[in-house]
Amino acid sequence: MQTLREKISFLLTALAYVLFHLRLGSDVGATLSGTVYQLLLTAPYALGFTYIVAVVFRRLSGKGWLPWDRLFRVFFTVGILFAFFFALYEYATQGLPPEQQPVHRSSAAQIFEDVLQKVR
């Protein structure tokens, strides 16, 4: 990061990363805990894909690892994509009536659903 433009774009990418992970709650504590939870939820995915992209760039260029600011930009970009799709998944069911919302059952209940129906 040598020019002012690179520094500004880096900060804007980091701000967009946090903004996409923002989960609003009823108060500040709920908002903060929801946002931190979302950041921790998507971080492993973003780190893994960033590592894969960095290895591909390293292999294609033949030089070495990308500079730290480029790695962070890739991490922020991948994190933004994951946060966007996680938000779509979360908010997709909020507008549905209660009878149409998906029921989160354990995997054992899903496997033995026929057996449980016969027992009941």
PDB file of N, CA and C in Angstrom:
ATOM      1  N   MET A   1       0.861  -1.173   0.000  1.00  0.00           N
ATOM      2  CA  MET A   1       0.000   0.000   0.000  1.00  0.00           C
ATOM      3  C   MET A   1       0.901   1.227   0.000  1.00  0.00           C
ATOM      4  N   GLN A   2       1.032   1.783  -1.157  1.00  0.00           N
ATOM      5  CA  GLN A   2       1.928   2.920  -1.266  1.00  0.00           C
ATOM      6  C   GLN A   2       1.173   4.209  -1.544  1.00  0.00           C
ATOM      7  N   THR A   3       0.130   4.137  -2.317  1.00  0.00           N
ATOM      8  CA  THR A   3      -0.579   5.362  -2.656  1.00  0.00           C
ATOM      9  C   THR A   3      -1.783   5.547  -1.747  1.00  0.00           C
ATOM     10  N   LEU A   4      -2.259   6.772  -1.733  1.00  0.00           N
ATOM     11  CA  LEU A   4      -3.435   7.088  -0.923  1.00  0.00           C
ATOM     12  C   LEU A   4      -4.662   6.349  -1.451  1.00  0.00           C
ATOM     13  N   ARG A   5      -4.738   6.176  -2.753  1.00  0.00           N
ATOM     14  CA  ARG A   5      -5.870   5.465  -3.347  1.00  0.00           C
ATOM     15  C   ARG A   5      -5.916   4.014  -2.868  1.00  0.00           C
ATOM     16  N   GLU A   6      -4.764   3.344  -2.793  1.00  0.00           N
ATOM     17  CA  GLU A   6      -4.717   1.968  -2.304  1.00  0.00           C
ATOM     18  C   GLU A   6      -5.139   1.887  -0.842  1.00  0.00           C
ATOM     19  N   LYS A   7      -4.720   2.854  -0.044  1.00  0.00           N
ATOM     20  CA  LYS A   7      -5.086   2.859   1.374  1.00  0.00           C
ATOM     21  C   LYS A   7      -6.585   3.067   1.557  1.00  0.00           C
ATOM     22  N   ILE A   8      -7.159   3.977   0.776  1.00  0.00           N
ATOM     23  CA  ILE A   8      -8.596   4.248   0.869  1.00  0.00           C
ATOM     24  C   ILE A   8      -9.400   3.040   0.409  1.00  0.00           C
ATOM     25  N   SER A   9      -8.990   2.419  -0.689  1.00  0.00           N
ATOM     26  CA  SER A   9      -9.730   1.252  -1.181  1.00  0.00           C
ATOM     27  C   SER A   9      -9.608   0.080  -0.204  1.00  0.00           C
ATOM     28  N   PHE A  10      -8.459  -0.055   0.464  1.00  0.00           N
ATOM     29  CA  PHE A  10      -8.299  -1.105   1.475  1.00  0.00           C
ATOM     30  C   PHE A  10      -9.255  -0.868   2.636  1.00  0.00           C
ATOM     31  N   LEU A  11      -9.336   0.357   3.109  1.00  0.00           N
ATOM     32  CA  LEU A  11     -10.248   0.679   4.214  1.00  0.00           C
ATOM     33  C   LEU A  11     -11.706   0.501   3.811  1.00  0.00           C
ATOM     34  N   LEU A  12     -12.056   0.855   2.596  1.00  0.00           N
ATOM     35  CA  LEU A  12     -13.430   0.678   2.129  1.00  0.00           C
ATOM     36  C   LEU A  12     -13.791  -0.804   2.005  1.00  0.00           C
ATOM     37  N   THR A  13     -12.832  -1.612   1.576  1.00  0.00           N
ATOM     38  CA  THR A  13     -13.083  -3.046   1.498  1.00  0.00           C
ATOM     39  C   THR A  13     -13.287  -3.632   2.890  1.00  0.00           C
ATOM     40  N   ALA A  14     -12.471  -3.195   3.856  1.00  0.00           N
ATOM     41  CA  ALA A  14     -12.626  -3.666   5.237  1.00  0.00           C
ATOM     42  C   ALA A  14     -13.959  -3.202   5.816  1.00  0.00           C
ATOM     43  N   LEU A  15     -14.362  -1.983   5.516  1.00  0.00           N
ATOM     44  CA  LEU A  15     -15.654  -1.472   5.994  1.00  0.00           C
ATOM     45  C   LEU A  15     -16.817  -2.246   5.374  1.00  0.00           C
ATOM     46  N   ALA A  16     -16.713  -2.556   4.094  1.00  0.00           N
ATOM     47  CA  ALA A  16     -17.760  -3.346   3.437  1.00  0.00           C
ATOM     48  C   ALA A  16     -17.825  -4.741   4.033  1.00  0.00           C
ATOM     49  N   TYR A  17     -16.677  -5.306   4.391  1.00  0.00           N
ATOM     50  CA  TYR A  17     -16.635  -6.622   5.032  1.00  0.00           C
ATOM     51  C   TYR A  17     -17.415  -6.604   6.344  1.00  0.00           C
ATOM     52  N   VAL A  18     -17.176  -5.605   7.163  1.00  0.00           N
ATOM     53  CA  VAL A  18     -17.891  -5.495   8.438  1.00  0.00           C
ATOM     54  C   VAL A  18     -19.368  -5.202   8.200  1.00  0.00           C
ATOM     55  N   LEU A  19     -19.674  -4.370   7.226  1.00  0.00           N
ATOM     56  CA  LEU A  19     -21.058  -4.013   6.932  1.00  0.00           C
ATOM     57  C   LEU A  19     -21.871  -5.220   6.468  1.00  0.00           C
ATOM     58  N   PHE A  20     -21.280  -6.070   5.648  1.00  0.00           N
ATOM     59  CA  PHE A  20     -21.992  -7.258   5.186  1.00  0.00           C
ATOM     60  C   PHE A  20     -22.211  -8.263   6.306  1.00  0.00           C
ATOM     61  N   HIS A  21     -21.370  -8.226   7.328  1.00  0.00           N
ATOM     62  CA  HIS A  21     -21.521  -9.131   8.461  1.00  0.00           C
ATOM     63  C   HIS A  21     -22.405  -8.550   9.553  1.00  0.00           C
ATOM     64  N   LEU A  22     -22.816  -7.328   9.420  1.00  0.00           N
ATOM     65  CA  LEU A  22     -23.631  -6.662  10.438  1.00  0.00           C
ATOM     66  C   LEU A  22     -24.992  -7.342  10.548  1.00  0.00           C
ATOM     67  N   ARG A  23     -25.354  -7.717  11.764  1.00  0.00           N
ATOM     68  CA  ARG A  23     -26.660  -8.309  12.041  1.00  0.00           C
ATOM     69  C   ARG A  23     -27.336  -7.448  13.094  1.00  0.00           C
ATOM     70  N   LEU A  24     -28.403  -6.807  12.696  1.00  0.00           N
ATOM     71  CA  LEU A  24     -29.088  -5.874  13.579  1.00  0.00           C
ATOM     72  C   LEU A  24     -29.926  -6.629  14.603  1.00  0.00           C
ATOM     73  N   GLY A  25     -29.921  -6.103  15.827  1.00  0.00           N
ATOM     74  CA  GLY A  25     -30.694  -6.694  16.903  1.00  0.00           C
ATOM     75  C   GLY A  25     -31.550  -5.643  17.574  1.00  0.00           C
ATOM     76  N   SER A  26     -32.175  -6.013  18.673  1.00  0.00           N
ATOM     77  CA  SER A  26     -33.070  -5.102  19.372  1.00  0.00           C
ATOM     78  C   SER A  26     -32.308  -4.026  20.138  1.00  0.00           C
ATOM     79  N   ASP A  27     -31.081  -4.317  20.546  1.00  0.00           N
ATOM     80  CA  ASP A  27     -30.262  -3.313  21.231  1.00  0.00           C
ATOM     81  C   ASP A  27     -28.813  -3.462  20.762  1.00  0.00           C
ATOM     82  N   VAL A  28     -27.943  -2.649  21.341  1.00  0.00           N
ATOM     83  CA  VAL A  28     -26.547  -2.639  20.908  1.00  0.00           C
ATOM     84  C   VAL A  28     -25.867  -3.971  21.212  1.00  0.00           C
ATOM     85  N   GLY A  29     -26.177  -4.544  22.362  1.00  0.00           N
ATOM     86  CA  GLY A  29     -25.571  -5.828  22.724  1.00  0.00           C
ATOM     87  C   GLY A  29     -25.960  -6.940  21.769  1.00  0.00           C
ATOM     88  N   ALA A  30     -27.229  -6.969  21.390  1.00  0.00           N
ATOM     89  CA  ALA A  30     -27.696  -7.993  20.449  1.00  0.00           C
ATOM     90  C   ALA A  30     -27.072  -7.789  19.070  1.00  0.00           C
ATOM     91  N   THR A  31     -26.945  -6.552  18.662  1.00  0.00           N
ATOM     92  CA  THR A  31     -26.317  -6.256  17.378  1.00  0.00           C
ATOM     93  C   THR A  31     -24.851  -6.660  17.394  1.00  0.00           C
ATOM     94  N   LEU A  32     -24.155  -6.329  18.473  1.00  0.00           N
ATOM     95  CA  LEU A  32     -22.744  -6.666  18.579  1.00  0.00           C
ATOM     96  C   LEU A  32     -22.530  -8.177  18.634  1.00  0.00           C
ATOM     97  N   SER A  33     -23.336  -8.873  19.422  1.00  0.00           N
ATOM     98  CA  SER A  33     -23.168 -10.328  19.521  1.00  0.00           C
ATOM     99  C   SER A  33     -23.541 -11.023  18.210  1.00  0.00           C
ATOM    100  N   GLY A  34     -24.579 -10.546  17.537  1.00  0.00           N
ATOM    101  CA  GLY A  34     -24.950 -11.129  16.243  1.00  0.00           C
ATOM    102  C   GLY A  34     -23.889 -10.901  15.184  1.00  0.00           C
ATOM    103  N   THR A  35     -23.290  -9.719  15.193  1.00  0.00           N
ATOM    104  CA  THR A  35     -22.248  -9.412  14.217  1.00  0.00           C
ATOM    105  C   THR A  35     -20.996 -10.237  14.483  1.00  0.00           C
ATOM    106  N   VAL A  36     -20.594 -10.339  15.742  1.00  0.00           N
ATOM    107  CA  VAL A  36     -19.416 -11.140  16.082  1.00  0.00           C
ATOM    108  C   VAL A  36     -19.667 -12.602  15.755  1.00  0.00           C
ATOM    109  N   TYR A  37     -20.862 -13.092  16.049  1.00  0.00           N
ATOM    110  CA  TYR A  37     -21.207 -14.474  15.712  1.00  0.00           C
ATOM    111  C   TYR A  37     -21.092 -14.702  14.209  1.00  0.00           C
ATOM    112  N   GLN A  38     -21.594 -13.765  13.420  1.00  0.00           N
ATOM    113  CA  GLN A  38     -21.540 -13.899  11.964  1.00  0.00           C
ATOM    114  C   GLN A  38     -20.096 -13.840  11.465  1.00  0.00           C
ATOM    115  N   LEU A  39     -19.289 -12.965  12.049  1.00  0.00           N
ATOM    116  CA  LEU A  39     -17.880 -12.883  11.664  1.00  0.00           C
ATOM    117  C   LEU A  39     -17.162 -14.205  11.963  1.00  0.00           C
ATOM    118  N   LEU A  40     -17.424 -14.762  13.139  1.00  0.00           N
ATOM    119  CA  LEU A  40     -16.784 -16.023  13.504  1.00  0.00           C
ATOM    120  C   LEU A  40     -17.313 -17.204  12.693  1.00  0.00           C
ATOM    121  N   LEU A  41     -18.549 -17.105  12.243  1.00  0.00           N
ATOM    122  CA  LEU A  41     -19.140 -18.173  11.444  1.00  0.00           C
ATOM    123  C   LEU A  41     -18.522 -18.253  10.057  1.00  0.00           C
ATOM    124  N   THR A  42     -18.280 -17.114   9.442  1.00  0.00           N
ATOM    125  CA  THR A  42     -17.776 -17.105   8.067  1.00  0.00           C
ATOM    126  C   THR A  42     -16.256 -17.062   7.975  1.00  0.00           C
ATOM    127  N   ALA A  43     -15.565 -16.758   9.065  1.00  0.00           N
ATOM    128  CA  ALA A  43     -14.104 -16.628   9.020  1.00  0.00           C
ATOM    129  C   ALA A  43     -13.397 -17.900   8.553  1.00  0.00           C
ATOM    130  N   PRO A  44     -13.768 -19.090   9.035  1.00  0.00           N
ATOM    131  CA  PRO A  44     -13.053 -20.284   8.542  1.00  0.00           C
ATOM    132  C   PRO A  44     -13.215 -20.506   7.034  1.00  0.00           C
ATOM    133  N   TYR A  45     -14.395 -20.246   6.534  1.00  0.00           N
ATOM    134  CA  TYR A  45     -14.616 -20.400   5.092  1.00  0.00           C
ATOM    135  C   TYR A  45     -13.782 -19.393   4.304  1.00  0.00           C
ATOM    136  N   ALA A  46     -13.800 -18.150   4.760  1.00  0.00           N
ATOM    137  CA  ALA A  46     -13.046 -17.107   4.069  1.00  0.00           C
ATOM    138  C   ALA A  46     -11.550 -17.379   4.134  1.00  0.00           C
ATOM    139  N   LEU A  47     -11.065 -17.838   5.288  1.00  0.00           N
ATOM    140  CA  LEU A  47      -9.640 -18.164   5.408  1.00  0.00           C
ATOM    141  C   LEU A  47      -9.253 -19.307   4.479  1.00  0.00           C
ATOM    142  N   GLY A  48     -10.073 -20.324   4.417  1.00  0.00           N
ATOM    143  CA  GLY A  48      -9.775 -21.455   3.552  1.00  0.00           C
ATOM    144  C   GLY A  48      -9.740 -21.086   2.085  1.00  0.00           C
ATOM    145  N   PHE A  49     -10.738 -20.347   1.650  1.00  0.00           N
ATOM    146  CA  PHE A  49     -10.766 -19.953   0.247  1.00  0.00           C
ATOM    147  C   PHE A  49      -9.677 -18.942  -0.075  1.00  0.00           C
ATOM    148  N   THR A  50      -9.333 -18.083   0.881  1.00  0.00           N
ATOM    149  CA  THR A  50      -8.231 -17.148   0.672  1.00  0.00           C
ATOM    150  C   THR A  50      -6.926 -17.908   0.492  1.00  0.00           C
ATOM    151  N   TYR A  51      -6.733 -18.931   1.299  1.00  0.00           N
ATOM    152  CA  TYR A  51      -5.525 -19.739   1.165  1.00  0.00           C
ATOM    153  C   TYR A  51      -5.469 -20.416  -0.209  1.00  0.00           C
ATOM    154  N   ILE A  52      -6.588 -20.952  -0.647  1.00  0.00           N
ATOM    155  CA  ILE A  52      -6.628 -21.603  -1.964  1.00  0.00           C
ATOM    156  C   ILE A  52      -6.323 -20.609  -3.074  1.00  0.00           C
ATOM    157  N   VAL A  53      -6.937 -19.433  -3.003  1.00  0.00           N
ATOM    158  CA  VAL A  53      -6.689 -18.401  -4.026  1.00  0.00           C
ATOM    159  C   VAL A  53      -5.232 -17.954  -3.990  1.00  0.00           C
ATOM    160  N   ALA A  54      -4.658 -17.803  -2.790  1.00  0.00           N
ATOM    161  CA  ALA A  54      -3.265 -17.375  -2.676  1.00  0.00           C
ATOM    162  C   ALA A  54      -2.319 -18.428  -3.260  1.00  0.00           C
ATOM    163  N   VAL A  55      -2.621 -19.694  -3.031  1.00  0.00           N
ATOM    164  CA  VAL A  55      -1.782 -20.760  -3.593  1.00  0.00           C
ATOM    165  C   VAL A  55      -1.886 -20.762  -5.114  1.00  0.00           C
ATOM    166  N   VAL A  56      -3.086 -20.549  -5.635  1.00  0.00           N
ATOM    167  CA  VAL A  56      -3.253 -20.500  -7.094  1.00  0.00           C
ATOM    168  C   VAL A  56      -2.492 -19.317  -7.676  1.00  0.00           C
ATOM    169  N   PHE A  57      -2.598 -18.143  -7.046  1.00  0.00           N
ATOM    170  CA  PHE A  57      -1.842 -16.975  -7.520  1.00  0.00           C
ATOM    171  C   PHE A  57      -0.336 -17.227  -7.445  1.00  0.00           C
ATOM    172  N   ARG A  58       0.084 -17.859  -6.363  1.00  0.00           N
ATOM    173  CA  ARG A  58       1.510 -18.143  -6.201  1.00  0.00           C
ATOM    174  C   ARG A  58       1.991 -19.094  -7.281  1.00  0.00           C
ATOM    175  N   ARG A  59       1.187 -20.095  -7.569  1.00  0.00           N
ATOM    176  CA  ARG A  59       1.562 -21.092  -8.570  1.00  0.00           C
ATOM    177  C   ARG A  59       1.586 -20.484  -9.974  1.00  0.00           C
ATOM    178  N   LEU A  60       0.589 -19.645 -10.269  1.00  0.00           N
ATOM    179  CA  LEU A  60       0.509 -19.052 -11.608  1.00  0.00           C
ATOM    180  C   LEU A  60       1.592 -18.007 -11.840  1.00  0.00           C
ATOM    181  N   SER A  61       1.886 -17.210 -10.814  1.00  0.00           N
ATOM    182  CA  SER A  61       2.876 -16.153 -11.000  1.00  0.00           C
ATOM    183  C   SER A  61       4.301 -16.683 -10.900  1.00  0.00           C
ATOM    184  N   GLY A  62       4.506 -17.729 -10.109  1.00  0.00           N
ATOM    185  CA  GLY A  62       5.839 -18.293  -9.962  1.00  0.00           C
ATOM    186  C   GLY A  62       6.756 -17.485  -9.072  1.00  0.00           C
ATOM    187  N   LYS A  63       6.247 -16.434  -8.446  1.00  0.00           N
ATOM    188  CA  LYS A  63       7.101 -15.564  -7.631  1.00  0.00           C
ATOM    189  C   LYS A  63       7.080 -15.999  -6.180  1.00  0.00           C
ATOM    190  N   GLY A  64       6.062 -15.687  -5.497  1.00  0.00           N
ATOM    191  CA  GLY A  64       5.969 -15.994  -4.082  1.00  0.00           C
ATOM    192  C   GLY A  64       4.578 -15.626  -3.603  1.00  0.00           C
ATOM    193  N   TRP A  65       4.450 -15.530  -2.295  1.00  0.00           N
ATOM    194  CA  TRP A  65       3.151 -15.171  -1.734  1.00  0.00           C
ATOM    195  C   TRP A  65       2.802 -13.735  -2.084  1.00  0.00           C
ATOM    196  N   LEU A  66       1.524 -13.472  -2.138  1.00  0.00           N
ATOM    197  CA  LEU A  66       1.053 -12.107  -2.352  1.00  0.00           C
ATOM    198  C   LEU A  66       1.413 -11.258  -1.142  1.00  0.00           C
ATOM    199  N   PRO A  67       1.535  -9.945  -1.318  1.00  0.00           N
ATOM    200  CA  PRO A  67       1.770  -9.073  -0.159  1.00  0.00           C
ATOM    201  C   PRO A  67       0.588  -9.148   0.800  1.00  0.00           C
ATOM    202  N   TRP A  68       0.841  -8.784   2.064  1.00  0.00           N
ATOM    203  CA  TRP A  68      -0.183  -8.934   3.102  1.00  0.00           C
ATOM    204  C   TRP A  68      -1.445  -8.150   2.789  1.00  0.00           C
ATOM    205  N   ASP A  69      -1.318  -6.950   2.190  1.00  0.00           N
ATOM    206  CA  ASP A  69      -2.527  -6.171   1.905  1.00  0.00           C
ATOM    207  C   ASP A  69      -3.358  -6.826   0.809  1.00  0.00           C
ATOM    208  N   ARG A  70      -2.727  -7.476  -0.143  1.00  0.00           N
ATOM    209  CA  ARG A  70      -3.469  -8.202  -1.190  1.00  0.00           C
ATOM    210  C   ARG A  70      -4.172  -9.424  -0.606  1.00  0.00           C
ATOM    211  N   LEU A  71      -3.498 -10.113   0.304  1.00  0.00           N
ATOM    212  CA  LEU A  71      -4.132 -11.261   0.952  1.00  0.00           C
ATOM    213  C   LEU A  71      -5.354 -10.828   1.757  1.00  0.00           C
ATOM    214  N   PHE A  72      -5.236  -9.705   2.454  1.00  0.00           N
ATOM    215  CA  PHE A  72      -6.382  -9.207   3.200  1.00  0.00           C
ATOM    216  C   PHE A  72      -7.519  -8.778   2.273  1.00  0.00           C
ATOM    217  N   ARG A  73      -7.191  -8.214   1.133  1.00  0.00           N
ATOM    218  CA  ARG A  73      -8.236  -7.841   0.167  1.00  0.00           C
ATOM    219  C   ARG A  73      -8.973  -9.076  -0.345  1.00  0.00           C
ATOM    220  N   VAL A  74      -8.223 -10.129  -0.627  1.00  0.00           N
ATOM    221  CA  VAL A  74      -8.855 -11.384  -1.069  1.00  0.00           C
ATOM    222  C   VAL A  74      -9.720 -11.930   0.057  1.00  0.00           C
ATOM    223  N   PHE A  75      -9.201 -11.912   1.302  1.00  0.00           N
ATOM    224  CA  PHE A  75      -9.965 -12.387   2.447  1.00  0.00           C
ATOM    225  C   PHE A  75     -11.255 -11.591   2.612  1.00  0.00           C
ATOM    226  N   PHE A  76     -11.160 -10.264   2.537  1.00  0.00           N
ATOM    227  CA  PHE A  76     -12.357  -9.431   2.679  1.00  0.00           C
ATOM    228  C   PHE A  76     -13.361  -9.710   1.570  1.00  0.00           C
ATOM    229  N   THR A  77     -12.889  -9.870   0.354  1.00  0.00           N
ATOM    230  CA  THR A  77     -13.789 -10.117  -0.771  1.00  0.00           C
ATOM    231  C   THR A  77     -14.496 -11.470  -0.630  1.00  0.00           C
ATOM    232  N   VAL A  78     -13.747 -12.496  -0.281  1.00  0.00           N
ATOM    233  CA  VAL A  78     -14.354 -13.816  -0.093  1.00  0.00           C
ATOM    234  C   VAL A  78     -15.312 -13.769   1.098  1.00  0.00           C
ATOM    235  N   GLY A  79     -14.930 -13.072   2.159  1.00  0.00           N
ATOM    236  CA  GLY A  79     -15.798 -12.926   3.325  1.00  0.00           C
ATOM    237  C   GLY A  79     -17.083 -12.196   3.005  1.00  0.00           C
ATOM    238  N   ILE A  80     -17.009 -11.186   2.151  1.00  0.00           N
ATOM    239  CA  ILE A  80     -18.206 -10.455   1.730  1.00  0.00           C
ATOM    240  C   ILE A  80     -19.149 -11.390   0.981  1.00  0.00           C
ATOM    241  N   LEU A  81     -18.600 -12.211   0.104  1.00  0.00           N
ATOM    242  CA  LEU A  81     -19.440 -13.147  -0.646  1.00  0.00           C
ATOM    243  C   LEU A  81     -20.115 -14.150   0.282  1.00  0.00           C
ATOM    244  N   PHE A  82     -19.370 -14.718   1.224  1.00  0.00           N
ATOM    245  CA  PHE A  82     -19.967 -15.657   2.168  1.00  0.00           C
ATOM    246  C   PHE A  82     -21.016 -14.979   3.039  1.00  0.00           C
ATOM    247  N   ALA A  83     -20.739 -13.768   3.506  1.00  0.00           N
ATOM    248  CA  ALA A  83     -21.710 -13.057   4.346  1.00  0.00           C
ATOM    249  C   ALA A  83     -22.988 -12.767   3.568  1.00  0.00           C
ATOM    250  N   PHE A  84     -22.837 -12.427   2.299  1.00  0.00           N
ATOM    251  CA  PHE A  84     -24.008 -12.152   1.471  1.00  0.00           C
ATOM    252  C   PHE A  84     -24.891 -13.386   1.340  1.00  0.00           C
ATOM    253  N   PHE A  85     -24.285 -14.538   1.056  1.00  0.00           N
ATOM    254  CA  PHE A  85     -25.084 -15.745   0.879  1.00  0.00           C
ATOM    255  C   PHE A  85     -25.650 -16.267   2.197  1.00  0.00           C
ATOM    256  N   PHE A  86     -24.910 -16.108   3.283  1.00  0.00           N
ATOM    257  CA  PHE A  86     -25.453 -16.477   4.587  1.00  0.00           C
ATOM    258  C   PHE A  86     -26.642 -15.583   4.942  1.00  0.00           C
ATOM    259  N   ALA A  87     -26.555 -14.292   4.626  1.00  0.00           N
ATOM    260  CA  ALA A  87     -27.664 -13.378   4.905  1.00  0.00           C
ATOM    261  C   ALA A  87     -28.883 -13.725   4.060  1.00  0.00           C
ATOM    262  N   LEU A  88     -28.664 -14.085   2.804  1.00  0.00           N
ATOM    263  CA  LEU A  88     -29.788 -14.518   1.970  1.00  0.00           C
ATOM    264  C   LEU A  88     -30.476 -15.723   2.577  1.00  0.00           C
ATOM    265  N   TYR A  89     -29.697 -16.661   3.064  1.00  0.00           N
ATOM    266  CA  TYR A  89     -30.260 -17.862   3.678  1.00  0.00           C
ATOM    267  C   TYR A  89     -31.028 -17.516   4.947  1.00  0.00           C
ATOM    268  N   GLU A  90     -30.475 -16.629   5.774  1.00  0.00           N
ATOM    269  CA  GLU A  90     -31.127 -16.262   7.031  1.00  0.00           C
ATOM    270  C   GLU A  90     -32.424 -15.493   6.808  1.00  0.00           C
ATOM    271  N   TYR A  91     -32.383 -14.543   5.898  1.00  0.00           N
ATOM    272  CA  TYR A  91     -33.537 -13.671   5.709  1.00  0.00           C
ATOM    273  C   TYR A  91     -34.590 -14.253   4.782  1.00  0.00           C
ATOM    274  N   ALA A  92     -34.282 -15.342   4.099  1.00  0.00           N
ATOM    275  CA  ALA A  92     -35.238 -15.922   3.151  1.00  0.00           C
ATOM    276  C   ALA A  92     -36.456 -16.486   3.865  1.00  0.00           C
ATOM    277  N   THR A  93     -36.284 -17.019   5.054  1.00  0.00           N
ATOM    278  CA  THR A  93     -37.397 -17.654   5.756  1.00  0.00           C
ATOM    279  C   THR A  93     -38.120 -16.715   6.708  1.00  0.00           C
ATOM    280  N   GLN A  94     -37.645 -15.497   6.890  1.00  0.00           N
ATOM    281  CA  GLN A  94     -38.276 -14.606   7.859  1.00  0.00           C
ATOM    282  C   GLN A  94     -39.650 -14.129   7.417  1.00  0.00           C
ATOM    283  N   GLY A  95     -39.894 -14.046   6.134  1.00  0.00           N
ATOM    284  CA  GLY A  95     -41.184 -13.565   5.657  1.00  0.00           C
ATOM    285  C   GLY A  95     -42.216 -14.658   5.479  1.00  0.00           C
ATOM    286  N   LEU A  96     -41.828 -15.904   5.697  1.00  0.00           N
ATOM    287  CA  LEU A  96     -42.760 -17.011   5.514  1.00  0.00           C
ATOM    288  C   LEU A  96     -43.667 -17.172   6.731  1.00  0.00           C
ATOM    289  N   PRO A  97     -44.890 -17.662   6.500  1.00  0.00           N
ATOM    290  CA  PRO A  97     -45.748 -17.986   7.647  1.00  0.00           C
ATOM    291  C   PRO A  97     -45.117 -19.103   8.478  1.00  0.00           C
ATOM    292  N   PRO A  98     -45.487 -19.215   9.746  1.00  0.00           N
ATOM    293  CA  PRO A  98     -44.855 -20.220  10.622  1.00  0.00           C
ATOM    294  C   PRO A  98     -44.972 -21.653  10.114  1.00  0.00           C
ATOM    295  N   GLU A  99     -46.070 -21.998   9.458  1.00  0.00           N
ATOM    296  CA  GLU A  99     -46.219 -23.381   8.989  1.00  0.00           C
ATOM    297  C   GLU A  99     -45.318 -23.692   7.799  1.00  0.00           C
ATOM    298  N   GLN A 100     -44.817 -22.672   7.092  1.00  0.00           N
ATOM    299  CA  GLN A 100     -43.942 -22.904   5.951  1.00  0.00           C
ATOM    300  C   GLN A 100     -42.471 -22.755   6.288  1.00  0.00           C
ATOM    301  N   GLN A 101     -42.156 -22.298   7.488  1.00  0.00           N
ATOM    302  CA  GLN A 101     -40.757 -22.151   7.871  1.00  0.00           C
ATOM    303  C   GLN A 101     -40.135 -23.524   8.081  1.00  0.00           C
ATOM    304  N   PRO A 102     -38.883 -23.680   7.678  1.00  0.00           N
ATOM    305  CA  PRO A 102     -38.249 -24.996   7.824  1.00  0.00           C
ATOM    306  C   PRO A 102     -38.055 -25.353   9.291  1.00  0.00           C
ATOM    307  N   VAL A 103     -38.275 -26.621   9.577  1.00  0.00           N
ATOM    308  CA  VAL A 103     -38.100 -27.130  10.931  1.00  0.00           C
ATOM    309  C   VAL A 103     -36.706 -27.728  11.016  1.00  0.00           C
ATOM    310  N   HIS A 104     -35.933 -27.274  11.978  1.00  0.00           N
ATOM    311  CA  HIS A 104     -34.576 -27.790  12.144  1.00  0.00           C
ATOM    312  C   HIS A 104     -34.624 -28.993  13.075  1.00  0.00           C
ATOM    313  N   ARG A 105     -34.525 -30.173  12.457  1.00  0.00           N
ATOM    314  CA  ARG A 105     -34.542 -31.416  13.218  1.00  0.00           C
ATOM    315  C   ARG A 105     -33.143 -31.995  13.242  1.00  0.00           C
ATOM    316  N   SER A 106     -32.928 -32.874  14.188  1.00  0.00           N
ATOM    317  CA  SER A 106     -31.631 -33.538  14.247  1.00  0.00           C
ATOM    318  C   SER A 106     -31.500 -34.503  13.073  1.00  0.00           C
ATOM    319  N   SER A 107     -30.270 -34.875  12.770  1.00  0.00           N
ATOM    320  CA  SER A 107     -30.054 -35.794  11.656  1.00  0.00           C
ATOM    321  C   SER A 107     -30.628 -37.175  11.971  1.00  0.00           C
ATOM    322  N   ALA A 108     -30.614 -37.561  13.251  1.00  0.00           N
ATOM    323  CA  ALA A 108     -31.192 -38.856  13.612  1.00  0.00           C
ATOM    324  C   ALA A 108     -32.694 -38.862  13.354  1.00  0.00           C
ATOM    325  N   ALA A 109     -33.358 -37.763  13.657  1.00  0.00           N
ATOM    326  CA  ALA A 109     -34.796 -37.675  13.410  1.00  0.00           C
ATOM    327  C   ALA A 109     -35.095 -37.700  11.913  1.00  0.00           C
ATOM    328  N   GLN A 110     -34.226 -37.122  11.109  1.00  0.00           N
ATOM    329  CA  GLN A 110     -34.442 -37.143   9.668  1.00  0.00           C
ATOM    330  C   GLN A 110     -34.232 -38.539   9.094  1.00  0.00           C
ATOM    331  N   ILE A 111     -33.251 -39.253   9.607  1.00  0.00           N
ATOM    332  CA  ILE A 111     -32.963 -40.588   9.087  1.00  0.00           C
ATOM    333  C   ILE A 111     -34.086 -41.557   9.439  1.00  0.00           C
ATOM    334  N   PHE A 112     -34.559 -41.496  10.680  1.00  0.00           N
ATOM    335  CA  PHE A 112     -35.562 -42.436  11.145  1.00  0.00           C
ATOM    336  C   PHE A 112     -36.965 -41.834  11.150  1.00  0.00           C
ATOM    337  N   GLU A 113     -37.233 -40.938  10.226  1.00  0.00           N
ATOM    338  CA  GLU A 113     -38.536 -40.268  10.191  1.00  0.00           C
ATOM    339  C   GLU A 113     -39.677 -41.262   9.970  1.00  0.00           C
ATOM    340  N   ASP A 114     -39.495 -42.222   9.081  1.00  0.00           N
ATOM    341  CA  ASP A 114     -40.540 -43.218   8.836  1.00  0.00           C
ATOM    342  C   ASP A 114     -40.791 -44.074  10.073  1.00  0.00           C
ATOM    343  N   VAL A 115     -39.736 -44.453  10.744  1.00  0.00           N
ATOM    344  CA  VAL A 115     -39.877 -45.279  11.950  1.00  0.00           C
ATOM    345  C   VAL A 115     -40.612 -44.509  13.034  1.00  0.00           C
ATOM    346  N   LEU A 116     -40.259 -43.227  13.179  1.00  0.00           N
ATOM    347  CA  LEU A 116     -40.919 -42.410  14.206  1.00  0.00           C
ATOM    348  C   LEU A 116     -42.392 -42.208  13.892  1.00  0.00           C
ATOM    349  N   GLN A 117     -42.740 -42.080  12.604  1.00  0.00           N
ATOM    350  CA  GLN A 117     -44.126 -41.911  12.225  1.00  0.00           C
ATOM    351  C   GLN A 117     -44.928 -43.172  12.567  1.00  0.00           C
ATOM    352  N   LYS A 118     -44.364 -44.344  12.349  1.00  0.00           N
ATOM    353  CA  LYS A 118     -45.054 -45.590  12.651  1.00  0.00           C
ATOM    354  C   LYS A 118     -45.237 -45.783  14.149  1.00  0.00           C
ATOM    355  N   VAL A 119     -44.235 -45.374  14.938  1.00  0.00           N
ATOM    356  CA  VAL A 119     -44.308 -45.510  16.384  1.00  0.00           C
ATOM    357  C   VAL A 119     -45.383 -44.605  16.951  1.00  0.00           C
ATOM    358  N   ARG A 120     -45.488 -43.407  16.422  1.00  0.00           N
ATOM    359  CA  ARG A 120     -46.475 -42.456  16.930  1.00  0.00           C
ATOM    360  C   ARG A 120     -47.848 -42.904  16.532  1.00  0.00           C
TER     361      ARG A 120
END
